[in-house]
């Protein structure tokens, strides 16, 4: 059901769907790409940090 105007005989056009400018879509895509790149870099840094440091060399008995 559509919303009716308080004045009889006056048609109120329905609200237009919110449109997103193309520049905002591109910005959003860039931000998602940067977020993914940062997540990969952080994951690689954690993996490198988790590797145990090499111990002292063993001497034969």
PDB file of N, CA and C in Angstrom:
ATOM      1  N   UNK A   1       0.844  -1.161   0.000  1.00  0.00           N
ATOM      2  CA  UNK A   1       0.000   0.000   0.000  1.00  0.00           C
ATOM      3  C   UNK A   1       0.895   1.230   0.000  1.00  0.00           C
ATOM      4  N   UNK A   2       0.533   2.238  -0.768  1.00  0.00           N
ATOM      5  CA  UNK A   2       1.352   3.444  -0.860  1.00  0.00           C
ATOM      6  C   UNK A   2       0.919   4.466   0.176  1.00  0.00           C
ATOM      7  N   UNK A   3       1.813   5.325   0.510  1.00  0.00           N
ATOM      8  CA  UNK A   3       1.531   6.389   1.467  1.00  0.00           C
ATOM      9  C   UNK A   3       0.688   7.451   0.787  1.00  0.00           C
ATOM     10  N   UNK A   4      -0.312   7.922   1.469  1.00  0.00           N
ATOM     11  CA  UNK A   4      -1.191   8.920   0.882  1.00  0.00           C
ATOM     12  C   UNK A   4      -0.865  10.290   1.435  1.00  0.00           C
ATOM     13  N   UNK A   5      -1.074  11.290   0.595  1.00  0.00           N
ATOM     14  CA  UNK A   5      -0.840  12.663   0.992  1.00  0.00           C
ATOM     15  C   UNK A   5      -1.957  13.129   1.912  1.00  0.00           C
ATOM     16  N   UNK A   6      -1.666  14.120   2.749  1.00  0.00           N
ATOM     17  CA  UNK A   6      -2.700  14.664   3.617  1.00  0.00           C
ATOM     18  C   UNK A   6      -3.667  15.546   2.828  1.00  0.00           C
ATOM     19  N   UNK A   7      -3.248  16.007   1.649  1.00  0.00           N
ATOM     20  CA  UNK A   7      -4.120  16.820   0.798  1.00  0.00           C
ATOM     21  C   UNK A   7      -4.763  15.921  -0.245  1.00  0.00           C
ATOM     22  N   UNK A   8      -6.064  15.978  -0.364  1.00  0.00           N
ATOM     23  CA  UNK A   8      -6.709  15.140  -1.381  1.00  0.00           C
ATOM     24  C   UNK A   8      -6.339  15.588  -2.791  1.00  0.00           C
ATOM     25  N   UNK A   9      -6.155  14.605  -3.657  1.00  0.00           N
ATOM     26  CA  UNK A   9      -5.876  14.905  -5.060  1.00  0.00           C
ATOM     27  C   UNK A   9      -4.410  15.175  -5.352  1.00  0.00           C
ATOM     28  N   UNK A  10      -3.531  15.104  -4.361  1.00  0.00           N
ATOM     29  CA  UNK A  10      -2.107  15.358  -4.578  1.00  0.00           C
ATOM     30  C   UNK A  10      -1.378  14.027  -4.498  1.00  0.00           C
ATOM     31  N   UNK A  11      -0.706  13.674  -5.579  1.00  0.00           N
ATOM     32  CA  UNK A  11       0.049  12.424  -5.605  1.00  0.00           C
ATOM     33  C   UNK A  11       1.460  12.678  -5.098  1.00  0.00           C
ATOM     34  N   UNK A  12       1.903  11.834  -4.192  1.00  0.00           N
ATOM     35  CA  UNK A  12       3.261  11.911  -3.671  1.00  0.00           C
ATOM     36  C   UNK A  12       4.066  10.803  -4.345  1.00  0.00           C
ATOM     37  N   UNK A  13       5.122  11.180  -5.085  1.00  0.00           N
ATOM     38  CA  UNK A  13       5.912  10.132  -5.748  1.00  0.00           C
ATOM     39  C   UNK A  13       6.634   9.292  -4.711  1.00  0.00           C
ATOM     40  N   UNK A  14       6.765   7.989  -4.967  1.00  0.00           N
ATOM     41  CA  UNK A  14       7.494   7.132  -4.035  1.00  0.00           C
ATOM     42  C   UNK A  14       8.961   7.536  -3.995  1.00  0.00           C
ATOM     43  N   UNK A  15       9.627   7.226  -2.894  1.00  0.00           N
ATOM     44  CA  UNK A  15      11.045   7.557  -2.779  1.00  0.00           C
ATOM     45  C   UNK A  15      11.860   6.743  -3.768  1.00  0.00           C
ATOM     46  N   UNK A  16      12.837   7.401  -4.347  1.00  0.00           N
ATOM     47  CA  UNK A  16      13.719   6.709  -5.290  1.00  0.00           C
ATOM     48  C   UNK A  16      14.682   5.816  -4.508  1.00  0.00           C
ATOM     49  N   UNK A  17      15.068   4.724  -5.111  1.00  0.00           N
ATOM     50  CA  UNK A  17      16.040   3.831  -4.476  1.00  0.00           C
ATOM     51  C   UNK A  17      17.359   4.579  -4.348  1.00  0.00           C
ATOM     52  N   UNK A  18      18.054   4.334  -3.254  1.00  0.00           N
ATOM     53  CA  UNK A  18      19.334   5.007  -3.022  1.00  0.00           C
ATOM     54  C   UNK A  18      20.353   4.481  -4.034  1.00  0.00           C
ATOM     55  N   UNK A  19      20.889   5.386  -4.824  1.00  0.00           N
ATOM     56  CA  UNK A  19      21.902   4.973  -5.796  1.00  0.00           C
ATOM     57  C   UNK A  19      23.274   5.386  -5.277  1.00  0.00           C
ATOM     58  N   UNK A  20      24.245   4.529  -5.489  1.00  0.00           N
ATOM     59  CA  UNK A  20      25.602   4.770  -5.027  1.00  0.00           C
ATOM     60  C   UNK A  20      26.419   5.261  -6.217  1.00  0.00           C
ATOM     61  N   UNK A  21      27.079   6.414  -6.068  1.00  0.00           N
ATOM     62  CA  UNK A  21      27.913   6.900  -7.173  1.00  0.00           C
ATOM     63  C   UNK A  21      29.024   5.915  -7.506  1.00  0.00           C
ATOM     64  N   UNK A  22      29.438   5.905  -8.751  1.00  0.00           N
ATOM     65  CA  UNK A  22      30.463   4.965  -9.205  1.00  0.00           C
ATOM     66  C   UNK A  22      31.773   5.157  -8.454  1.00  0.00           C
ATOM     67  N   UNK A  23      32.099   6.402  -8.085  1.00  0.00           N
ATOM     68  CA  UNK A  23      33.356   6.642  -7.372  1.00  0.00           C
ATOM     69  C   UNK A  23      33.339   5.973  -6.000  1.00  0.00           C
ATOM     70  N   UNK A  24      32.163   5.943  -5.343  1.00  0.00           N
ATOM     71  CA  UNK A  24      32.067   5.284  -4.044  1.00  0.00           C
ATOM     72  C   UNK A  24      32.226   3.774  -4.188  1.00  0.00           C
ATOM     73  N   UNK A  25      31.709   3.220  -5.264  1.00  0.00           N
ATOM     74  CA  UNK A  25      31.851   1.779  -5.499  1.00  0.00           C
ATOM     75  C   UNK A  25      33.325   1.445  -5.698  1.00  0.00           C
ATOM     76  N   UNK A  26      34.025   2.269  -6.475  1.00  0.00           N
ATOM     77  CA  UNK A  26      35.448   2.036  -6.716  1.00  0.00           C
ATOM     78  C   UNK A  26      36.230   2.164  -5.418  1.00  0.00           C
ATOM     79  N   UNK A  27      35.896   3.159  -4.607  1.00  0.00           N
ATOM     80  CA  UNK A  27      36.581   3.352  -3.330  1.00  0.00           C
ATOM     81  C   UNK A  27      36.358   2.147  -2.425  1.00  0.00           C
ATOM     82  N   UNK A  28      35.129   1.648  -2.393  1.00  0.00           N
ATOM     83  CA  UNK A  28      34.831   0.477  -1.578  1.00  0.00           C
ATOM     84  C   UNK A  28      35.611  -0.739  -2.029  1.00  0.00           C
ATOM     85  N   UNK A  29      35.723  -0.901  -3.347  1.00  0.00           N
ATOM     86  CA  UNK A  29      36.474  -2.024  -3.896  1.00  0.00           C
ATOM     87  C   UNK A  29      37.953  -1.896  -3.542  1.00  0.00           C
ATOM     88  N   UNK A  30      38.490  -0.678  -3.644  1.00  0.00           N
ATOM     89  CA  UNK A  30      39.894  -0.455  -3.294  1.00  0.00           C
ATOM     90  C   UNK A  30      40.139  -0.757  -1.821  1.00  0.00           C
ATOM     91  N   UNK A  31      39.216  -0.339  -0.963  1.00  0.00           N
ATOM     92  CA  UNK A  31      39.386  -0.582   0.466  1.00  0.00           C
ATOM     93  C   UNK A  31      39.341  -2.069   0.785  1.00  0.00           C
ATOM     94  N   UNK A  32      38.460  -2.795   0.114  1.00  0.00           N
ATOM     95  CA  UNK A  32      38.404  -4.242   0.330  1.00  0.00           C
ATOM     96  C   UNK A  32      39.696  -4.915  -0.119  1.00  0.00           C
ATOM     97  N   UNK A  33      40.239  -4.467  -1.239  1.00  0.00           N
ATOM     98  CA  UNK A  33      41.495  -5.037  -1.729  1.00  0.00           C
ATOM     99  C   UNK A  33      42.629  -4.738  -0.759  1.00  0.00           C
ATOM    100  N   UNK A  34      42.667  -3.518  -0.230  1.00  0.00           N
ATOM    101  CA  UNK A  34      43.707  -3.168   0.735  1.00  0.00           C
ATOM    102  C   UNK A  34      43.559  -3.962   2.025  1.00  0.00           C
ATOM    103  N   UNK A  35      42.327  -4.169   2.459  1.00  0.00           N
ATOM    104  CA  UNK A  35      42.087  -4.938   3.681  1.00  0.00           C
ATOM    105  C   UNK A  35      42.562  -6.380   3.502  1.00  0.00           C
ATOM    106  N   UNK A  36      42.288  -6.965   2.333  1.00  0.00           N
ATOM    107  CA  UNK A  36      42.719  -8.331   2.063  1.00  0.00           C
ATOM    108  C   UNK A  36      44.246  -8.420   2.015  1.00  0.00           C
ATOM    109  N   UNK A  37      44.866  -7.418   1.394  1.00  0.00           N
ATOM    110  CA  UNK A  37      46.326  -7.403   1.305  1.00  0.00           C
ATOM    111  C   UNK A  37      46.944  -7.294   2.701  1.00  0.00           C
ATOM    112  N   UNK A  38      46.372  -6.450   3.544  1.00  0.00           N
ATOM    113  CA  UNK A  38      46.878  -6.299   4.904  1.00  0.00           C
ATOM    114  C   UNK A  38      46.706  -7.588   5.697  1.00  0.00           C
ATOM    115  N   UNK A  39      45.577  -8.249   5.525  1.00  0.00           N
ATOM    116  CA  UNK A  39      45.342  -9.507   6.241  1.00  0.00           C
ATOM    117  C   UNK A  39      46.368 -10.558   5.833  1.00  0.00           C
ATOM    118  N   UNK A  40      46.673 -10.625   4.532  1.00  0.00           N
ATOM    119  CA  UNK A  40      47.680 -11.588   4.074  1.00  0.00           C
ATOM    120  C   UNK A  40      49.056 -11.262   4.651  1.00  0.00           C
ATOM    121  N   UNK A  41      49.409  -9.980   4.689  1.00  0.00           N
ATOM    122  CA  UNK A  41      50.710  -9.576   5.223  1.00  0.00           C
ATOM    123  C   UNK A  41      50.805  -9.889   6.719  1.00  0.00           C
ATOM    124  N   UNK A  42      49.726  -9.626   7.456  1.00  0.00           N
ATOM    125  CA  UNK A  42      49.727  -9.924   8.887  1.00  0.00           C
ATOM    126  C   UNK A  42      49.848 -11.430   9.138  1.00  0.00           C
ATOM    127  N   UNK A  43      49.156 -12.207   8.329  1.00  0.00           N
ATOM    128  CA  UNK A  43      49.209 -13.662   8.474  1.00  0.00           C
ATOM    129  C   UNK A  43      50.628 -14.171   8.205  1.00  0.00           C
ATOM    130  N   UNK A  44      51.270 -13.637   7.165  1.00  0.00           N
ATOM    131  CA  UNK A  44      52.638 -14.041   6.846  1.00  0.00           C
ATOM    132  C   UNK A  44      53.595 -13.636   7.969  1.00  0.00           C
ATOM    133  N   UNK A  45      53.375 -12.466   8.555  1.00  0.00           N
ATOM    134  CA  UNK A  45      54.237 -12.005   9.646  1.00  0.00           C
ATOM    135  C   UNK A  45      54.072 -12.893  10.877  1.00  0.00           C
ATOM    136  N   UNK A  46      52.842 -13.303  11.167  1.00  0.00           N
ATOM    137  CA  UNK A  46      52.618 -14.193  12.308  1.00  0.00           C
ATOM    138  C   UNK A  46      53.274 -15.546  12.076  1.00  0.00           C
ATOM    139  N   UNK A  47      53.192 -16.041  10.838  1.00  0.00           N
ATOM    140  CA  UNK A  47      53.810 -17.330  10.521  1.00  0.00           C
ATOM    141  C   UNK A  47      55.323 -17.246  10.682  1.00  0.00           C
ATOM    142  N   UNK A  48      55.925 -16.162  10.220  1.00  0.00           N
ATOM    143  CA  UNK A  48      57.373 -16.010  10.322  1.00  0.00           C
ATOM    144  C   UNK A  48      57.795 -15.862  11.782  1.00  0.00           C
ATOM    145  N   UNK A  49      56.971 -15.218  12.575  1.00  0.00           N
ATOM    146  CA  UNK A  49      57.277 -15.012  13.978  1.00  0.00           C
ATOM    147  C   UNK A  49      57.139 -16.312  14.774  1.00  0.00           C
ATOM    148  N   UNK A  50      56.226 -17.169  14.373  1.00  0.00           N
ATOM    149  CA  UNK A  50      55.948 -18.400  15.111  1.00  0.00           C
ATOM    150  C   UNK A  50      57.046 -19.449  14.917  1.00  0.00           C
ATOM    151  N   UNK A  51      57.856 -19.322  13.889  1.00  0.00           N
ATOM    152  CA  UNK A  51      58.919 -20.302  13.657  1.00  0.00           C
ATOM    153  C   UNK A  51      59.946 -20.204  14.778  1.00  0.00           C
ATOM    154  N   UNK A  52      60.289 -21.328  15.398  1.00  0.00           N
ATOM    155  CA  UNK A  52      61.251 -21.278  16.504  1.00  0.00           C
ATOM    156  C   UNK A  52      62.643 -20.923  15.980  1.00  0.00           C
ATOM    157  N   UNK A  53      63.370 -20.147  16.738  1.00  0.00           N
ATOM    158  CA  UNK A  53      64.718 -19.797  16.287  1.00  0.00           C
ATOM    159  C   UNK A  53      65.607 -21.029  16.321  1.00  0.00           C
ATOM    160  N   UNK A  54      66.560 -21.103  15.441  1.00  0.00           N
ATOM    161  CA  UNK A  54      67.440 -22.282  15.447  1.00  0.00           C
ATOM    162  C   UNK A  54      68.272 -22.316  16.725  1.00  0.00           C
ATOM    163  N   UNK A  55      68.391 -23.498  17.276  1.00  0.00           N
ATOM    164  CA  UNK A  55      69.151 -23.652  18.515  1.00  0.00           C
ATOM    165  C   UNK A  55      70.634 -23.708  18.230  1.00  0.00           C
ATOM    166  N   UNK A  56      71.429 -23.816  19.289  1.00  0.00           N
ATOM    167  CA  UNK A  56      72.875 -23.914  19.087  1.00  0.00           C
ATOM    168  C   UNK A  56      73.210 -25.236  18.388  1.00  0.00           C
ATOM    169  N   UNK A  57      74.238 -25.246  17.592  1.00  0.00           N
ATOM    170  CA  UNK A  57      74.596 -26.484  16.894  1.00  0.00           C
ATOM    171  C   UNK A  57      74.994 -27.574  17.877  1.00  0.00           C
ATOM    172  N   UNK A  58      74.623 -28.783  17.559  1.00  0.00           N
ATOM    173  CA  UNK A  58      74.957 -29.937  18.427  1.00  0.00           C
ATOM    174  C   UNK A  58      76.372 -30.391  18.136  1.00  0.00           C
ATOM    175  N   UNK A  59      77.069 -30.737  19.197  1.00  0.00           N
ATOM    176  CA  UNK A  59      78.420 -31.297  19.036  1.00  0.00           C
ATOM    177  C   UNK A  59      78.324 -32.817  19.146  1.00  0.00           C
ATOM    178  N   UNK A  60      79.053 -33.496  18.317  1.00  0.00           N
ATOM    179  CA  UNK A  60      79.036 -34.973  18.421  1.00  0.00           C
ATOM    180  C   UNK A  60      79.663 -35.405  19.749  1.00  0.00           C
ATOM    181  N   UNK A  61      79.201 -36.507  20.337  1.00  0.00           N
ATOM    182  CA  UNK A  61      79.749 -36.988  21.628  1.00  0.00           C
ATOM    183  C   UNK A  61      81.148 -37.528  21.523  1.00  0.00           C
TER     184      UNK A  61
END
